[in-house]
Amino acid sequence: MLWQNAAMSAAAAFAYLDSRTERTGDEVSADRFRLIADKIEADPSLLSIPLANIERWLAQGHRSVKRLEGWRAMLLLRLVK
């Protein structure tokens, strides 16, 4: 394994990383977000779901008002485009 041989050359380390078959968490997350974006582009009405959640959380006195308002502004901007 890579971490068991401190003397491994950089070339060998990169070859090991290139040979791996498992995807990283970042790669999986990126694919997930691409799928979500594609789904929203196909049906922009889906943005009503997070907008309703934000409205509910604010009505319940959520303490991160500024962040929620920021998210709401970004979502509403997306609806306008």
C-alpha atoms as a PDB file:
ATOM      1  CA  MET A   1       0.000   0.000   0.000  1.00  0.00           C
ATOM      2  CA  LEU A   2       1.064   3.559  -0.654  1.00  0.00           C
ATOM      3  CA  TRP A   3       1.352   4.663   2.982  1.00  0.00           C
ATOM      4  CA  GLN A   4       3.422   1.604   3.963  1.00  0.00           C
ATOM      5  CA  ASN A   5       6.367   2.610   1.785  1.00  0.00           C
ATOM      6  CA  ALA A   6       7.649   6.073   2.645  1.00  0.00           C
ATOM      7  CA  ALA A   7      10.392   5.713   0.028  1.00  0.00           C
ATOM      8  CA  MET A   8       7.917   5.331  -2.852  1.00  0.00           C
ATOM      9  CA  SER A   9       8.696   7.720  -5.685  1.00  0.00           C
ATOM     10  CA  ALA A  10       6.247  10.398  -6.743  1.00  0.00           C
ATOM     11  CA  ALA A  11       5.815   8.625 -10.095  1.00  0.00           C
ATOM     12  CA  ALA A  12       4.921   5.373  -8.323  1.00  0.00           C
ATOM     13  CA  ALA A  13       2.512   7.188  -6.023  1.00  0.00           C
ATOM     14  CA  PHE A  14       0.711   8.835  -8.968  1.00  0.00           C
ATOM     15  CA  ALA A  15       0.606   5.521 -10.818  1.00  0.00           C
ATOM     16  CA  TYR A  16      -1.002   3.956  -7.749  1.00  0.00           C
ATOM     17  CA  LEU A  17      -3.591   6.745  -7.529  1.00  0.00           C
ATOM     18  CA  ASP A  18      -4.369   6.451 -11.250  1.00  0.00           C
ATOM     19  CA  SER A  19      -4.862   2.687 -10.910  1.00  0.00           C
ATOM     20  CA  ARG A  20      -7.472   2.889  -8.179  1.00  0.00           C
ATOM     21  CA  THR A  21     -10.990   1.841  -9.119  1.00  0.00           C
ATOM     22  CA  GLU A  22     -12.905   3.391  -6.240  1.00  0.00           C
ATOM     23  CA  ARG A  23     -14.164   6.916  -6.693  1.00  0.00           C
ATOM     24  CA  THR A  24     -13.462   9.563  -4.096  1.00  0.00           C
ATOM     25  CA  GLY A  25     -16.193  11.147  -2.039  1.00  0.00           C
ATOM     26  CA  ASP A  26     -15.661  14.403  -3.936  1.00  0.00           C
ATOM     27  CA  GLU A  27     -16.253  12.630  -7.250  1.00  0.00           C
ATOM     28  CA  VAL A  28     -19.437  11.012  -5.959  1.00  0.00           C
ATOM     29  CA  SER A  29     -20.664  14.338  -4.531  1.00  0.00           C
ATOM     30  CA  ALA A  30     -19.946  16.163  -7.785  1.00  0.00           C
ATOM     31  CA  ASP A  31     -21.989  13.600  -9.721  1.00  0.00           C
ATOM     32  CA  ARG A  32     -24.847  13.884  -7.218  1.00  0.00           C
ATOM     33  CA  PHE A  33     -24.929  17.675  -7.550  1.00  0.00           C
ATOM     34  CA  ARG A  34     -24.837  17.423 -11.361  1.00  0.00           C
ATOM     35  CA  LEU A  35     -27.856  15.111 -11.277  1.00  0.00           C
ATOM     36  CA  ILE A  36     -29.725  17.500  -8.993  1.00  0.00           C
ATOM     37  CA  ALA A  37     -28.895  20.453 -11.264  1.00  0.00           C
ATOM     38  CA  ASP A  38     -30.064  18.519 -14.338  1.00  0.00           C
ATOM     39  CA  LYS A  39     -33.317  17.639 -12.597  1.00  0.00           C
ATOM     40  CA  ILE A  40     -33.972  21.266 -11.613  1.00  0.00           C
ATOM     41  CA  GLU A  41     -33.127  22.502 -15.122  1.00  0.00           C
ATOM     42  CA  ALA A  42     -35.660  20.039 -16.516  1.00  0.00           C
ATOM     43  CA  ASP A  43     -38.316  21.116 -13.992  1.00  0.00           C
ATOM     44  CA  PRO A  44     -37.660  24.517 -12.357  1.00  0.00           C
ATOM     45  CA  SER A  45     -40.845  24.144 -10.302  1.00  0.00           C
ATOM     46  CA  LEU A  46     -38.817  21.810  -8.048  1.00  0.00           C
ATOM     47  CA  LEU A  47     -37.261  24.948  -6.539  1.00  0.00           C
ATOM     48  CA  SER A  48     -40.554  25.437  -4.708  1.00  0.00           C
ATOM     49  CA  ILE A  49     -39.504  22.626  -2.344  1.00  0.00           C
ATOM     50  CA  PRO A  50     -36.442  24.341  -0.833  1.00  0.00           C
ATOM     51  CA  LEU A  51     -38.278  27.690  -0.889  1.00  0.00           C
ATOM     52  CA  ALA A  52     -41.092  26.161   1.178  1.00  0.00           C
ATOM     53  CA  ASN A  53     -38.551  24.645   3.575  1.00  0.00           C
ATOM     54  CA  ILE A  54     -36.859  28.021   4.044  1.00  0.00           C
ATOM     55  CA  GLU A  55     -40.213  29.689   4.668  1.00  0.00           C
ATOM     56  CA  ARG A  56     -41.127  27.027   7.254  1.00  0.00           C
ATOM     57  CA  TRP A  57     -37.760  27.245   9.025  1.00  0.00           C
ATOM     58  CA  LEU A  58     -37.976  31.027   9.232  1.00  0.00           C
ATOM     59  CA  ALA A  59     -41.543  30.808  10.585  1.00  0.00           C
ATOM     60  CA  GLN A  60     -40.277  28.394  13.246  1.00  0.00           C
ATOM     61  CA  GLY A  61     -37.690  30.934  14.380  1.00  0.00           C
ATOM     62  CA  HIS A  62     -34.576  29.385  12.862  1.00  0.00           C
ATOM     63  CA  ARG A  63     -31.538  31.260  14.150  1.00  0.00           C
ATOM     64  CA  SER A  64     -29.648  31.394  10.828  1.00  0.00           C
ATOM     65  CA  VAL A  65     -31.931  33.958   9.238  1.00  0.00           C
ATOM     66  CA  LYS A  66     -29.166  35.644   7.243  1.00  0.00           C
ATOM     67  CA  ARG A  67     -28.025  32.372   5.677  1.00  0.00           C
ATOM     68  CA  LEU A  68     -31.559  31.257   4.875  1.00  0.00           C
ATOM     69  CA  GLU A  69     -32.335  34.628   3.306  1.00  0.00           C
ATOM     70  CA  GLY A  70     -29.173  34.257   1.220  1.00  0.00           C
ATOM     71  CA  TRP A  71     -30.254  30.849  -0.003  1.00  0.00           C
ATOM     72  CA  ARG A  72     -33.744  32.166  -0.742  1.00  0.00           C
ATOM     73  CA  ALA A  73     -32.266  35.040  -2.783  1.00  0.00           C
ATOM     74  CA  MET A  74     -30.125  32.614  -4.822  1.00  0.00           C
ATOM     75  CA  LEU A  75     -33.087  30.318  -5.482  1.00  0.00           C
ATOM     76  CA  LEU A  76     -35.360  33.177  -6.482  1.00  0.00           C
ATOM     77  CA  LEU A  77     -32.675  34.507  -8.806  1.00  0.00           C
ATOM     78  CA  ARG A  78     -32.540  31.080 -10.438  1.00  0.00           C
ATOM     79  CA  LEU A  79     -36.315  31.156 -10.975  1.00  0.00           C
ATOM     80  CA  VAL A  80     -36.075  34.507 -12.753  1.00  0.00           C
ATOM     81  CA  LYS A  81     -33.451  33.300 -15.247  1.00  0.00           C
END
